[in-house]
Amino acid sequence: AGDYSKTAPKRLLIVVEKPTVNGSS
């Protein structure tokens, strides 16, 4: 929330998704 003096969170998650257009990549 704009305060970058905070220590990073203990648990992080990267959400990886496949992009498709009309069902195809």
PDBML (XML) file of the C-alpha atoms, coordinates in Angstrom:
<?xml version="1.0" encoding="UTF-8" ?>
<PDBx:datablock datablockName="MODEL"
   xmlns:PDBx="http://pdbml.pdb.org/schema/pdbx-v50.xsd"
   xmlns:xsi="http://www.w3.org/2001/XMLSchema-instance"
   xsi:schemaLocation="http://pdbml.pdb.org/schema/pdbx-v50.xsd pdbx-v50.xsd">
   <PDBx:atom_siteCategory>
      <PDBx:atom_site id="1">
         <PDBx:B_iso_or_equiv>0.00</PDBx:B_iso_or_equiv>
         <PDBx:Cartn_x>0.000</PDBx:Cartn_x>
         <PDBx:Cartn_y>0.000</PDBx:Cartn_y>
         <PDBx:Cartn_z>0.000</PDBx:Cartn_z>
         <PDBx:auth_asym_id>A</PDBx:auth_asym_id>
         <PDBx:auth_atom_id>CA</PDBx:auth_atom_id>
         <PDBx:auth_comp_id>ALA</PDBx:auth_comp_id>
         <PDBx:auth_seq_id>1</PDBx:auth_seq_id>
         <PDBx:group_PDB>ATOM</PDBx:group_PDB>
         <PDBx:label_alt_id xsi:nil="true" />
         <PDBx:label_asym_id>A</PDBx:label_asym_id>
         <PDBx:label_atom_id>CA</PDBx:label_atom_id>
         <PDBx:label_comp_id>ALA</PDBx:label_comp_id>
         <PDBx:label_entity_id>1</PDBx:label_entity_id>
         <PDBx:label_seq_id>1</PDBx:label_seq_id>
         <PDBx:occupancy>1.00</PDBx:occupancy>
         <PDBx:pdbx_PDB_model_num>1</PDBx:pdbx_PDB_model_num>
         <PDBx:type_symbol>C</PDBx:type_symbol>
      </PDBx:atom_site>
      <PDBx:atom_site id="2">
         <PDBx:B_iso_or_equiv>0.00</PDBx:B_iso_or_equiv>
         <PDBx:Cartn_x>2.782</PDBx:Cartn_x>
         <PDBx:Cartn_y>2.416</PDBx:Cartn_y>
         <PDBx:Cartn_z>-0.902</PDBx:Cartn_z>
         <PDBx:auth_asym_id>A</PDBx:auth_asym_id>
         <PDBx:auth_atom_id>CA</PDBx:auth_atom_id>
         <PDBx:auth_comp_id>GLY</PDBx:auth_comp_id>
         <PDBx:auth_seq_id>2</PDBx:auth_seq_id>
         <PDBx:group_PDB>ATOM</PDBx:group_PDB>
         <PDBx:label_alt_id xsi:nil="true" />
         <PDBx:label_asym_id>A</PDBx:label_asym_id>
         <PDBx:label_atom_id>CA</PDBx:label_atom_id>
         <PDBx:label_comp_id>GLY</PDBx:label_comp_id>
         <PDBx:label_entity_id>1</PDBx:label_entity_id>
         <PDBx:label_seq_id>2</PDBx:label_seq_id>
         <PDBx:occupancy>1.00</PDBx:occupancy>
         <PDBx:pdbx_PDB_model_num>1</PDBx:pdbx_PDB_model_num>
         <PDBx:type_symbol>C</PDBx:type_symbol>
      </PDBx:atom_site>
      <PDBx:atom_site id="3">
         <PDBx:B_iso_or_equiv>0.00</PDBx:B_iso_or_equiv>
         <PDBx:Cartn_x>4.918</PDBx:Cartn_x>
         <PDBx:Cartn_y>1.712</PDBx:Cartn_y>
         <PDBx:Cartn_z>2.177</PDBx:Cartn_z>
         <PDBx:auth_asym_id>A</PDBx:auth_asym_id>
         <PDBx:auth_atom_id>CA</PDBx:auth_atom_id>
         <PDBx:auth_comp_id>ASP</PDBx:auth_comp_id>
         <PDBx:auth_seq_id>3</PDBx:auth_seq_id>
         <PDBx:group_PDB>ATOM</PDBx:group_PDB>
         <PDBx:label_alt_id xsi:nil="true" />
         <PDBx:label_asym_id>A</PDBx:label_asym_id>
         <PDBx:label_atom_id>CA</PDBx:label_atom_id>
         <PDBx:label_comp_id>ASP</PDBx:label_comp_id>
         <PDBx:label_entity_id>1</PDBx:label_entity_id>
         <PDBx:label_seq_id>3</PDBx:label_seq_id>
         <PDBx:occupancy>1.00</PDBx:occupancy>
         <PDBx:pdbx_PDB_model_num>1</PDBx:pdbx_PDB_model_num>
         <PDBx:type_symbol>C</PDBx:type_symbol>
      </PDBx:atom_site>
      <PDBx:atom_site id="4">
         <PDBx:B_iso_or_equiv>0.00</PDBx:B_iso_or_equiv>
         <PDBx:Cartn_x>8.009</PDBx:Cartn_x>
         <PDBx:Cartn_y>-0.064</PDBx:Cartn_y>
         <PDBx:Cartn_z>0.866</PDBx:Cartn_z>
         <PDBx:auth_asym_id>A</PDBx:auth_asym_id>
         <PDBx:auth_atom_id>CA</PDBx:auth_atom_id>
         <PDBx:auth_comp_id>TYR</PDBx:auth_comp_id>
         <PDBx:auth_seq_id>4</PDBx:auth_seq_id>
         <PDBx:group_PDB>ATOM</PDBx:group_PDB>
         <PDBx:label_alt_id xsi:nil="true" />
         <PDBx:label_asym_id>A</PDBx:label_asym_id>
         <PDBx:label_atom_id>CA</PDBx:label_atom_id>
         <PDBx:label_comp_id>TYR</PDBx:label_comp_id>
         <PDBx:label_entity_id>1</PDBx:label_entity_id>
         <PDBx:label_seq_id>4</PDBx:label_seq_id>
         <PDBx:occupancy>1.00</PDBx:occupancy>
         <PDBx:pdbx_PDB_model_num>1</PDBx:pdbx_PDB_model_num>
         <PDBx:type_symbol>C</PDBx:type_symbol>
      </PDBx:atom_site>
      <PDBx:atom_site id="5">
         <PDBx:B_iso_or_equiv>0.00</PDBx:B_iso_or_equiv>
         <PDBx:Cartn_x>9.795</PDBx:Cartn_x>
         <PDBx:Cartn_y>-0.019</PDBx:Cartn_y>
         <PDBx:Cartn_z>4.204</PDBx:Cartn_z>
         <PDBx:auth_asym_id>A</PDBx:auth_asym_id>
         <PDBx:auth_atom_id>CA</PDBx:auth_atom_id>
         <PDBx:auth_comp_id>SER</PDBx:auth_comp_id>
         <PDBx:auth_seq_id>5</PDBx:auth_seq_id>
         <PDBx:group_PDB>ATOM</PDBx:group_PDB>
         <PDBx:label_alt_id xsi:nil="true" />
         <PDBx:label_asym_id>A</PDBx:label_asym_id>
         <PDBx:label_atom_id>CA</PDBx:label_atom_id>
         <PDBx:label_comp_id>SER</PDBx:label_comp_id>
         <PDBx:label_entity_id>1</PDBx:label_entity_id>
         <PDBx:label_seq_id>5</PDBx:label_seq_id>
         <PDBx:occupancy>1.00</PDBx:occupancy>
         <PDBx:pdbx_PDB_model_num>1</PDBx:pdbx_PDB_model_num>
         <PDBx:type_symbol>C</PDBx:type_symbol>
      </PDBx:atom_site>
      <PDBx:atom_site id="6">
         <PDBx:B_iso_or_equiv>0.00</PDBx:B_iso_or_equiv>
         <PDBx:Cartn_x>7.779</PDBx:Cartn_x>
         <PDBx:Cartn_y>-3.110</PDBx:Cartn_y>
         <PDBx:Cartn_z>5.139</PDBx:Cartn_z>
         <PDBx:auth_asym_id>A</PDBx:auth_asym_id>
         <PDBx:auth_atom_id>CA</PDBx:auth_atom_id>
         <PDBx:auth_comp_id>LYS</PDBx:auth_comp_id>
         <PDBx:auth_seq_id>6</PDBx:auth_seq_id>
         <PDBx:group_PDB>ATOM</PDBx:group_PDB>
         <PDBx:label_alt_id xsi:nil="true" />
         <PDBx:label_asym_id>A</PDBx:label_asym_id>
         <PDBx:label_atom_id>CA</PDBx:label_atom_id>
         <PDBx:label_comp_id>LYS</PDBx:label_comp_id>
         <PDBx:label_entity_id>1</PDBx:label_entity_id>
         <PDBx:label_seq_id>6</PDBx:label_seq_id>
         <PDBx:occupancy>1.00</PDBx:occupancy>
         <PDBx:pdbx_PDB_model_num>1</PDBx:pdbx_PDB_model_num>
         <PDBx:type_symbol>C</PDBx:type_symbol>
      </PDBx:atom_site>
      <PDBx:atom_site id="7">
         <PDBx:B_iso_or_equiv>0.00</PDBx:B_iso_or_equiv>
         <PDBx:Cartn_x>9.419</PDBx:Cartn_x>
         <PDBx:Cartn_y>-6.516</PDBx:Cartn_y>
         <PDBx:Cartn_z>5.199</PDBx:Cartn_z>
         <PDBx:auth_asym_id>A</PDBx:auth_asym_id>
         <PDBx:auth_atom_id>CA</PDBx:auth_atom_id>
         <PDBx:auth_comp_id>THR</PDBx:auth_comp_id>
         <PDBx:auth_seq_id>7</PDBx:auth_seq_id>
         <PDBx:group_PDB>ATOM</PDBx:group_PDB>
         <PDBx:label_alt_id xsi:nil="true" />
         <PDBx:label_asym_id>A</PDBx:label_asym_id>
         <PDBx:label_atom_id>CA</PDBx:label_atom_id>
         <PDBx:label_comp_id>THR</PDBx:label_comp_id>
         <PDBx:label_entity_id>1</PDBx:label_entity_id>
         <PDBx:label_seq_id>7</PDBx:label_seq_id>
         <PDBx:occupancy>1.00</PDBx:occupancy>
         <PDBx:pdbx_PDB_model_num>1</PDBx:pdbx_PDB_model_num>
         <PDBx:type_symbol>C</PDBx:type_symbol>
      </PDBx:atom_site>
      <PDBx:atom_site id="8">
         <PDBx:B_iso_or_equiv>0.00</PDBx:B_iso_or_equiv>
         <PDBx:Cartn_x>8.114</PDBx:Cartn_x>
         <PDBx:Cartn_y>-8.738</PDBx:Cartn_y>
         <PDBx:Cartn_z>2.400</PDBx:Cartn_z>
         <PDBx:auth_asym_id>A</PDBx:auth_asym_id>
         <PDBx:auth_atom_id>CA</PDBx:auth_atom_id>
         <PDBx:auth_comp_id>ALA</PDBx:auth_comp_id>
         <PDBx:auth_seq_id>8</PDBx:auth_seq_id>
         <PDBx:group_PDB>ATOM</PDBx:group_PDB>
         <PDBx:label_alt_id xsi:nil="true" />
         <PDBx:label_asym_id>A</PDBx:label_asym_id>
         <PDBx:label_atom_id>CA</PDBx:label_atom_id>
         <PDBx:label_comp_id>ALA</PDBx:label_comp_id>
         <PDBx:label_entity_id>1</PDBx:label_entity_id>
         <PDBx:label_seq_id>8</PDBx:label_seq_id>
         <PDBx:occupancy>1.00</PDBx:occupancy>
         <PDBx:pdbx_PDB_model_num>1</PDBx:pdbx_PDB_model_num>
         <PDBx:type_symbol>C</PDBx:type_symbol>
      </PDBx:atom_site>
      <PDBx:atom_site id="9">
         <PDBx:B_iso_or_equiv>0.00</PDBx:B_iso_or_equiv>
         <PDBx:Cartn_x>5.269</PDBx:Cartn_x>
         <PDBx:Cartn_y>-11.117</PDBx:Cartn_y>
         <PDBx:Cartn_z>3.329</PDBx:Cartn_z>
         <PDBx:auth_asym_id>A</PDBx:auth_asym_id>
         <PDBx:auth_atom_id>CA</PDBx:auth_atom_id>
         <PDBx:auth_comp_id>PRO</PDBx:auth_comp_id>
         <PDBx:auth_seq_id>9</PDBx:auth_seq_id>
         <PDBx:group_PDB>ATOM</PDBx:group_PDB>
         <PDBx:label_alt_id xsi:nil="true" />
         <PDBx:label_asym_id>A</PDBx:label_asym_id>
         <PDBx:label_atom_id>CA</PDBx:label_atom_id>
         <PDBx:label_comp_id>PRO</PDBx:label_comp_id>
         <PDBx:label_entity_id>1</PDBx:label_entity_id>
         <PDBx:label_seq_id>9</PDBx:label_seq_id>
         <PDBx:occupancy>1.00</PDBx:occupancy>
         <PDBx:pdbx_PDB_model_num>1</PDBx:pdbx_PDB_model_num>
         <PDBx:type_symbol>C</PDBx:type_symbol>
      </PDBx:atom_site>
      <PDBx:atom_site id="10">
         <PDBx:B_iso_or_equiv>0.00</PDBx:B_iso_or_equiv>
         <PDBx:Cartn_x>6.021</PDBx:Cartn_x>
         <PDBx:Cartn_y>-14.594</PDBx:Cartn_y>
         <PDBx:Cartn_z>4.610</PDBx:Cartn_z>
         <PDBx:auth_asym_id>A</PDBx:auth_asym_id>
         <PDBx:auth_atom_id>CA</PDBx:auth_atom_id>
         <PDBx:auth_comp_id>LYS</PDBx:auth_comp_id>
         <PDBx:auth_seq_id>10</PDBx:auth_seq_id>
         <PDBx:group_PDB>ATOM</PDBx:group_PDB>
         <PDBx:label_alt_id xsi:nil="true" />
         <PDBx:label_asym_id>A</PDBx:label_asym_id>
         <PDBx:label_atom_id>CA</PDBx:label_atom_id>
         <PDBx:label_comp_id>LYS</PDBx:label_comp_id>
         <PDBx:label_entity_id>1</PDBx:label_entity_id>
         <PDBx:label_seq_id>10</PDBx:label_seq_id>
         <PDBx:occupancy>1.00</PDBx:occupancy>
         <PDBx:pdbx_PDB_model_num>1</PDBx:pdbx_PDB_model_num>
         <PDBx:type_symbol>C</PDBx:type_symbol>
      </PDBx:atom_site>
      <PDBx:atom_site id="11">
         <PDBx:B_iso_or_equiv>0.00</PDBx:B_iso_or_equiv>
         <PDBx:Cartn_x>3.942</PDBx:Cartn_x>
         <PDBx:Cartn_y>-16.397</PDBx:Cartn_y>
         <PDBx:Cartn_z>1.987</PDBx:Cartn_z>
         <PDBx:auth_asym_id>A</PDBx:auth_asym_id>
         <PDBx:auth_atom_id>CA</PDBx:auth_atom_id>
         <PDBx:auth_comp_id>ARG</PDBx:auth_comp_id>
         <PDBx:auth_seq_id>11</PDBx:auth_seq_id>
         <PDBx:group_PDB>ATOM</PDBx:group_PDB>
         <PDBx:label_alt_id xsi:nil="true" />
         <PDBx:label_asym_id>A</PDBx:label_asym_id>
         <PDBx:label_atom_id>CA</PDBx:label_atom_id>
         <PDBx:label_comp_id>ARG</PDBx:label_comp_id>
         <PDBx:label_entity_id>1</PDBx:label_entity_id>
         <PDBx:label_seq_id>11</PDBx:label_seq_id>
         <PDBx:occupancy>1.00</PDBx:occupancy>
         <PDBx:pdbx_PDB_model_num>1</PDBx:pdbx_PDB_model_num>
         <PDBx:type_symbol>C</PDBx:type_symbol>
      </PDBx:atom_site>
      <PDBx:atom_site id="12">
         <PDBx:B_iso_or_equiv>0.00</PDBx:B_iso_or_equiv>
         <PDBx:Cartn_x>3.839</PDBx:Cartn_x>
         <PDBx:Cartn_y>-15.444</PDBx:Cartn_y>
         <PDBx:Cartn_z>-1.690</PDBx:Cartn_z>
         <PDBx:auth_asym_id>A</PDBx:auth_asym_id>
         <PDBx:auth_atom_id>CA</PDBx:auth_atom_id>
         <PDBx:auth_comp_id>LEU</PDBx:auth_comp_id>
         <PDBx:auth_seq_id>12</PDBx:auth_seq_id>
         <PDBx:group_PDB>ATOM</PDBx:group_PDB>
         <PDBx:label_alt_id xsi:nil="true" />
         <PDBx:label_asym_id>A</PDBx:label_asym_id>
         <PDBx:label_atom_id>CA</PDBx:label_atom_id>
         <PDBx:label_comp_id>LEU</PDBx:label_comp_id>
         <PDBx:label_entity_id>1</PDBx:label_entity_id>
         <PDBx:label_seq_id>12</PDBx:label_seq_id>
         <PDBx:occupancy>1.00</PDBx:occupancy>
         <PDBx:pdbx_PDB_model_num>1</PDBx:pdbx_PDB_model_num>
         <PDBx:type_symbol>C</PDBx:type_symbol>
      </PDBx:atom_site>
      <PDBx:atom_site id="13">
         <PDBx:B_iso_or_equiv>0.00</PDBx:B_iso_or_equiv>
         <PDBx:Cartn_x>2.054</PDBx:Cartn_x>
         <PDBx:Cartn_y>-16.905</PDBx:Cartn_y>
         <PDBx:Cartn_z>-4.678</PDBx:Cartn_z>
         <PDBx:auth_asym_id>A</PDBx:auth_asym_id>
         <PDBx:auth_atom_id>CA</PDBx:auth_atom_id>
         <PDBx:auth_comp_id>LEU</PDBx:auth_comp_id>
         <PDBx:auth_seq_id>13</PDBx:auth_seq_id>
         <PDBx:group_PDB>ATOM</PDBx:group_PDB>
         <PDBx:label_alt_id xsi:nil="true" />
         <PDBx:label_asym_id>A</PDBx:label_asym_id>
         <PDBx:label_atom_id>CA</PDBx:label_atom_id>
         <PDBx:label_comp_id>LEU</PDBx:label_comp_id>
         <PDBx:label_entity_id>1</PDBx:label_entity_id>
         <PDBx:label_seq_id>13</PDBx:label_seq_id>
         <PDBx:occupancy>1.00</PDBx:occupancy>
         <PDBx:pdbx_PDB_model_num>1</PDBx:pdbx_PDB_model_num>
         <PDBx:type_symbol>C</PDBx:type_symbol>
      </PDBx:atom_site>
      <PDBx:atom_site id="14">
         <PDBx:B_iso_or_equiv>0.00</PDBx:B_iso_or_equiv>
         <PDBx:Cartn_x>2.671</PDBx:Cartn_x>
         <PDBx:Cartn_y>-16.481</PDBx:Cartn_y>
         <PDBx:Cartn_z>-8.406</PDBx:Cartn_z>
         <PDBx:auth_asym_id>A</PDBx:auth_asym_id>
         <PDBx:auth_atom_id>CA</PDBx:auth_atom_id>
         <PDBx:auth_comp_id>ILE</PDBx:auth_comp_id>
         <PDBx:auth_seq_id>14</PDBx:auth_seq_id>
         <PDBx:group_PDB>ATOM</PDBx:group_PDB>
         <PDBx:label_alt_id xsi:nil="true" />
         <PDBx:label_asym_id>A</PDBx:label_asym_id>
         <PDBx:label_atom_id>CA</PDBx:label_atom_id>
         <PDBx:label_comp_id>ILE</PDBx:label_comp_id>
         <PDBx:label_entity_id>1</PDBx:label_entity_id>
         <PDBx:label_seq_id>14</PDBx:label_seq_id>
         <PDBx:occupancy>1.00</PDBx:occupancy>
         <PDBx:pdbx_PDB_model_num>1</PDBx:pdbx_PDB_model_num>
         <PDBx:type_symbol>C</PDBx:type_symbol>
      </PDBx:atom_site>
      <PDBx:atom_site id="15">
         <PDBx:B_iso_or_equiv>0.00</PDBx:B_iso_or_equiv>
         <PDBx:Cartn_x>-0.357</PDBx:Cartn_x>
         <PDBx:Cartn_y>-17.397</PDBx:Cartn_y>
         <PDBx:Cartn_z>-10.531</PDBx:Cartn_z>
         <PDBx:auth_asym_id>A</PDBx:auth_asym_id>
         <PDBx:auth_atom_id>CA</PDBx:auth_atom_id>
         <PDBx:auth_comp_id>VAL</PDBx:auth_comp_id>
         <PDBx:auth_seq_id>15</PDBx:auth_seq_id>
         <PDBx:group_PDB>ATOM</PDBx:group_PDB>
         <PDBx:label_alt_id xsi:nil="true" />
         <PDBx:label_asym_id>A</PDBx:label_asym_id>
         <PDBx:label_atom_id>CA</PDBx:label_atom_id>
         <PDBx:label_comp_id>VAL</PDBx:label_comp_id>
         <PDBx:label_entity_id>1</PDBx:label_entity_id>
         <PDBx:label_seq_id>15</PDBx:label_seq_id>
         <PDBx:occupancy>1.00</PDBx:occupancy>
         <PDBx:pdbx_PDB_model_num>1</PDBx:pdbx_PDB_model_num>
         <PDBx:type_symbol>C</PDBx:type_symbol>
      </PDBx:atom_site>
      <PDBx:atom_site id="16">
         <PDBx:B_iso_or_equiv>0.00</PDBx:B_iso_or_equiv>
         <PDBx:Cartn_x>0.700</PDBx:Cartn_x>
         <PDBx:Cartn_y>-18.865</PDBx:Cartn_y>
         <PDBx:Cartn_z>-13.892</PDBx:Cartn_z>
         <PDBx:auth_asym_id>A</PDBx:auth_asym_id>
         <PDBx:auth_atom_id>CA</PDBx:auth_atom_id>
         <PDBx:auth_comp_id>VAL</PDBx:auth_comp_id>
         <PDBx:auth_seq_id>16</PDBx:auth_seq_id>
         <PDBx:group_PDB>ATOM</PDBx:group_PDB>
         <PDBx:label_alt_id xsi:nil="true" />
         <PDBx:label_asym_id>A</PDBx:label_asym_id>
         <PDBx:label_atom_id>CA</PDBx:label_atom_id>
         <PDBx:label_comp_id>VAL</PDBx:label_comp_id>
         <PDBx:label_entity_id>1</PDBx:label_entity_id>
         <PDBx:label_seq_id>16</PDBx:label_seq_id>
         <PDBx:occupancy>1.00</PDBx:occupancy>
         <PDBx:pdbx_PDB_model_num>1</PDBx:pdbx_PDB_model_num>
         <PDBx:type_symbol>C</PDBx:type_symbol>
      </PDBx:atom_site>
      <PDBx:atom_site id="17">
         <PDBx:B_iso_or_equiv>0.00</PDBx:B_iso_or_equiv>
         <PDBx:Cartn_x>-1.949</PDBx:Cartn_x>
         <PDBx:Cartn_y>-18.996</PDBx:Cartn_y>
         <PDBx:Cartn_z>-16.615</PDBx:Cartn_z>
         <PDBx:auth_asym_id>A</PDBx:auth_asym_id>
         <PDBx:auth_atom_id>CA</PDBx:auth_atom_id>
         <PDBx:auth_comp_id>GLU</PDBx:auth_comp_id>
         <PDBx:auth_seq_id>17</PDBx:auth_seq_id>
         <PDBx:group_PDB>ATOM</PDBx:group_PDB>
         <PDBx:label_alt_id xsi:nil="true" />
         <PDBx:label_asym_id>A</PDBx:label_asym_id>
         <PDBx:label_atom_id>CA</PDBx:label_atom_id>
         <PDBx:label_comp_id>GLU</PDBx:label_comp_id>
         <PDBx:label_entity_id>1</PDBx:label_entity_id>
         <PDBx:label_seq_id>17</PDBx:label_seq_id>
         <PDBx:occupancy>1.00</PDBx:occupancy>
         <PDBx:pdbx_PDB_model_num>1</PDBx:pdbx_PDB_model_num>
         <PDBx:type_symbol>C</PDBx:type_symbol>
      </PDBx:atom_site>
      <PDBx:atom_site id="18">
         <PDBx:B_iso_or_equiv>0.00</PDBx:B_iso_or_equiv>
         <PDBx:Cartn_x>-2.038</PDBx:Cartn_x>
         <PDBx:Cartn_y>-20.061</PDBx:Cartn_y>
         <PDBx:Cartn_z>-20.250</PDBx:Cartn_z>
         <PDBx:auth_asym_id>A</PDBx:auth_asym_id>
         <PDBx:auth_atom_id>CA</PDBx:auth_atom_id>
         <PDBx:auth_comp_id>LYS</PDBx:auth_comp_id>
         <PDBx:auth_seq_id>18</PDBx:auth_seq_id>
         <PDBx:group_PDB>ATOM</PDBx:group_PDB>
         <PDBx:label_alt_id xsi:nil="true" />
         <PDBx:label_asym_id>A</PDBx:label_asym_id>
         <PDBx:label_atom_id>CA</PDBx:label_atom_id>
         <PDBx:label_comp_id>LYS</PDBx:label_comp_id>
         <PDBx:label_entity_id>1</PDBx:label_entity_id>
         <PDBx:label_seq_id>18</PDBx:label_seq_id>
         <PDBx:occupancy>1.00</PDBx:occupancy>
         <PDBx:pdbx_PDB_model_num>1</PDBx:pdbx_PDB_model_num>
         <PDBx:type_symbol>C</PDBx:type_symbol>
      </PDBx:atom_site>
      <PDBx:atom_site id="19">
         <PDBx:B_iso_or_equiv>0.00</PDBx:B_iso_or_equiv>
         <PDBx:Cartn_x>-3.357</PDBx:Cartn_x>
         <PDBx:Cartn_y>-17.420</PDBx:Cartn_y>
         <PDBx:Cartn_z>-22.664</PDBx:Cartn_z>
         <PDBx:auth_asym_id>A</PDBx:auth_asym_id>
         <PDBx:auth_atom_id>CA</PDBx:auth_atom_id>
         <PDBx:auth_comp_id>PRO</PDBx:auth_comp_id>
         <PDBx:auth_seq_id>19</PDBx:auth_seq_id>
         <PDBx:group_PDB>ATOM</PDBx:group_PDB>
         <PDBx:label_alt_id xsi:nil="true" />
         <PDBx:label_asym_id>A</PDBx:label_asym_id>
         <PDBx:label_atom_id>CA</PDBx:label_atom_id>
         <PDBx:label_comp_id>PRO</PDBx:label_comp_id>
         <PDBx:label_entity_id>1</PDBx:label_entity_id>
         <PDBx:label_seq_id>19</PDBx:label_seq_id>
         <PDBx:occupancy>1.00</PDBx:occupancy>
         <PDBx:pdbx_PDB_model_num>1</PDBx:pdbx_PDB_model_num>
         <PDBx:type_symbol>C</PDBx:type_symbol>
      </PDBx:atom_site>
      <PDBx:atom_site id="20">
         <PDBx:B_iso_or_equiv>0.00</PDBx:B_iso_or_equiv>
         <PDBx:Cartn_x>-5.731</PDBx:Cartn_x>
         <PDBx:Cartn_y>-18.623</PDBx:Cartn_y>
         <PDBx:Cartn_z>-25.371</PDBx:Cartn_z>
         <PDBx:auth_asym_id>A</PDBx:auth_asym_id>
         <PDBx:auth_atom_id>CA</PDBx:auth_atom_id>
         <PDBx:auth_comp_id>THR</PDBx:auth_comp_id>
         <PDBx:auth_seq_id>20</PDBx:auth_seq_id>
         <PDBx:group_PDB>ATOM</PDBx:group_PDB>
         <PDBx:label_alt_id xsi:nil="true" />
         <PDBx:label_asym_id>A</PDBx:label_asym_id>
         <PDBx:label_atom_id>CA</PDBx:label_atom_id>
         <PDBx:label_comp_id>THR</PDBx:label_comp_id>
         <PDBx:label_entity_id>1</PDBx:label_entity_id>
         <PDBx:label_seq_id>20</PDBx:label_seq_id>
         <PDBx:occupancy>1.00</PDBx:occupancy>
         <PDBx:pdbx_PDB_model_num>1</PDBx:pdbx_PDB_model_num>
         <PDBx:type_symbol>C</PDBx:type_symbol>
      </PDBx:atom_site>
      <PDBx:atom_site id="21">
         <PDBx:B_iso_or_equiv>0.00</PDBx:B_iso_or_equiv>
         <PDBx:Cartn_x>-7.656</PDBx:Cartn_x>
         <PDBx:Cartn_y>-16.915</PDBx:Cartn_y>
         <PDBx:Cartn_z>-28.151</PDBx:Cartn_z>
         <PDBx:auth_asym_id>A</PDBx:auth_asym_id>
         <PDBx:auth_atom_id>CA</PDBx:auth_atom_id>
         <PDBx:auth_comp_id>VAL</PDBx:auth_comp_id>
         <PDBx:auth_seq_id>21</PDBx:auth_seq_id>
         <PDBx:group_PDB>ATOM</PDBx:group_PDB>
         <PDBx:label_alt_id xsi:nil="true" />
         <PDBx:label_asym_id>A</PDBx:label_asym_id>
         <PDBx:label_atom_id>CA</PDBx:label_atom_id>
         <PDBx:label_comp_id>VAL</PDBx:label_comp_id>
         <PDBx:label_entity_id>1</PDBx:label_entity_id>
         <PDBx:label_seq_id>21</PDBx:label_seq_id>
         <PDBx:occupancy>1.00</PDBx:occupancy>
         <PDBx:pdbx_PDB_model_num>1</PDBx:pdbx_PDB_model_num>
         <PDBx:type_symbol>C</PDBx:type_symbol>
      </PDBx:atom_site>
      <PDBx:atom_site id="22">
         <PDBx:B_iso_or_equiv>0.00</PDBx:B_iso_or_equiv>
         <PDBx:Cartn_x>-10.704</PDBx:Cartn_x>
         <PDBx:Cartn_y>-18.823</PDBx:Cartn_y>
         <PDBx:Cartn_z>-29.385</PDBx:Cartn_z>
         <PDBx:auth_asym_id>A</PDBx:auth_asym_id>
         <PDBx:auth_atom_id>CA</PDBx:auth_atom_id>
         <PDBx:auth_comp_id>ASN</PDBx:auth_comp_id>
         <PDBx:auth_seq_id>22</PDBx:auth_seq_id>
         <PDBx:group_PDB>ATOM</PDBx:group_PDB>
         <PDBx:label_alt_id xsi:nil="true" />
         <PDBx:label_asym_id>A</PDBx:label_asym_id>
         <PDBx:label_atom_id>CA</PDBx:label_atom_id>
         <PDBx:label_comp_id>ASN</PDBx:label_comp_id>
         <PDBx:label_entity_id>1</PDBx:label_entity_id>
         <PDBx:label_seq_id>22</PDBx:label_seq_id>
         <PDBx:occupancy>1.00</PDBx:occupancy>
         <PDBx:pdbx_PDB_model_num>1</PDBx:pdbx_PDB_model_num>
         <PDBx:type_symbol>C</PDBx:type_symbol>
      </PDBx:atom_site>
      <PDBx:atom_site id="23">
         <PDBx:B_iso_or_equiv>0.00</PDBx:B_iso_or_equiv>
         <PDBx:Cartn_x>-9.385</PDBx:Cartn_x>
         <PDBx:Cartn_y>-21.889</PDBx:Cartn_y>
         <PDBx:Cartn_z>-27.610</PDBx:Cartn_z>
         <PDBx:auth_asym_id>A</PDBx:auth_asym_id>
         <PDBx:auth_atom_id>CA</PDBx:auth_atom_id>
         <PDBx:auth_comp_id>GLY</PDBx:auth_comp_id>
         <PDBx:auth_seq_id>23</PDBx:auth_seq_id>
         <PDBx:group_PDB>ATOM</PDBx:group_PDB>
         <PDBx:label_alt_id xsi:nil="true" />
         <PDBx:label_asym_id>A</PDBx:label_asym_id>
         <PDBx:label_atom_id>CA</PDBx:label_atom_id>
         <PDBx:label_comp_id>GLY</PDBx:label_comp_id>
         <PDBx:label_entity_id>1</PDBx:label_entity_id>
         <PDBx:label_seq_id>23</PDBx:label_seq_id>
         <PDBx:occupancy>1.00</PDBx:occupancy>
         <PDBx:pdbx_PDB_model_num>1</PDBx:pdbx_PDB_model_num>
         <PDBx:type_symbol>C</PDBx:type_symbol>
      </PDBx:atom_site>
      <PDBx:atom_site id="24">
         <PDBx:B_iso_or_equiv>0.00</PDBx:B_iso_or_equiv>
         <PDBx:Cartn_x>-5.940</PDBx:Cartn_x>
         <PDBx:Cartn_y>-21.835</PDBx:Cartn_y>
         <PDBx:Cartn_z>-29.200</PDBx:Cartn_z>
         <PDBx:auth_asym_id>A</PDBx:auth_asym_id>
         <PDBx:auth_atom_id>CA</PDBx:auth_atom_id>
         <PDBx:auth_comp_id>SER</PDBx:auth_comp_id>
         <PDBx:auth_seq_id>24</PDBx:auth_seq_id>
         <PDBx:group_PDB>ATOM</PDBx:group_PDB>
         <PDBx:label_alt_id xsi:nil="true" />
         <PDBx:label_asym_id>A</PDBx:label_asym_id>
         <PDBx:label_atom_id>CA</PDBx:label_atom_id>
         <PDBx:label_comp_id>SER</PDBx:label_comp_id>
         <PDBx:label_entity_id>1</PDBx:label_entity_id>
         <PDBx:label_seq_id>24</PDBx:label_seq_id>
         <PDBx:occupancy>1.00</PDBx:occupancy>
         <PDBx:pdbx_PDB_model_num>1</PDBx:pdbx_PDB_model_num>
         <PDBx:type_symbol>C</PDBx:type_symbol>
      </PDBx:atom_site>
      <PDBx:atom_site id="25">
         <PDBx:B_iso_or_equiv>0.00</PDBx:B_iso_or_equiv>
         <PDBx:Cartn_x>-2.452</PDBx:Cartn_x>
         <PDBx:Cartn_y>-20.550</PDBx:Cartn_y>
         <PDBx:Cartn_z>-28.336</PDBx:Cartn_z>
         <PDBx:auth_asym_id>A</PDBx:auth_asym_id>
         <PDBx:auth_atom_id>CA</PDBx:auth_atom_id>
         <PDBx:auth_comp_id>SER</PDBx:auth_comp_id>
         <PDBx:auth_seq_id>25</PDBx:auth_seq_id>
         <PDBx:group_PDB>ATOM</PDBx:group_PDB>
         <PDBx:label_alt_id xsi:nil="true" />
         <PDBx:label_asym_id>A</PDBx:label_asym_id>
         <PDBx:label_atom_id>CA</PDBx:label_atom_id>
         <PDBx:label_comp_id>SER</PDBx:label_comp_id>
         <PDBx:label_entity_id>1</PDBx:label_entity_id>
         <PDBx:label_seq_id>25</PDBx:label_seq_id>
         <PDBx:occupancy>1.00</PDBx:occupancy>
         <PDBx:pdbx_PDB_model_num>1</PDBx:pdbx_PDB_model_num>
         <PDBx:type_symbol>C</PDBx:type_symbol>
      </PDBx:atom_site>
   </PDBx:atom_siteCategory>
</PDBx:datablock>
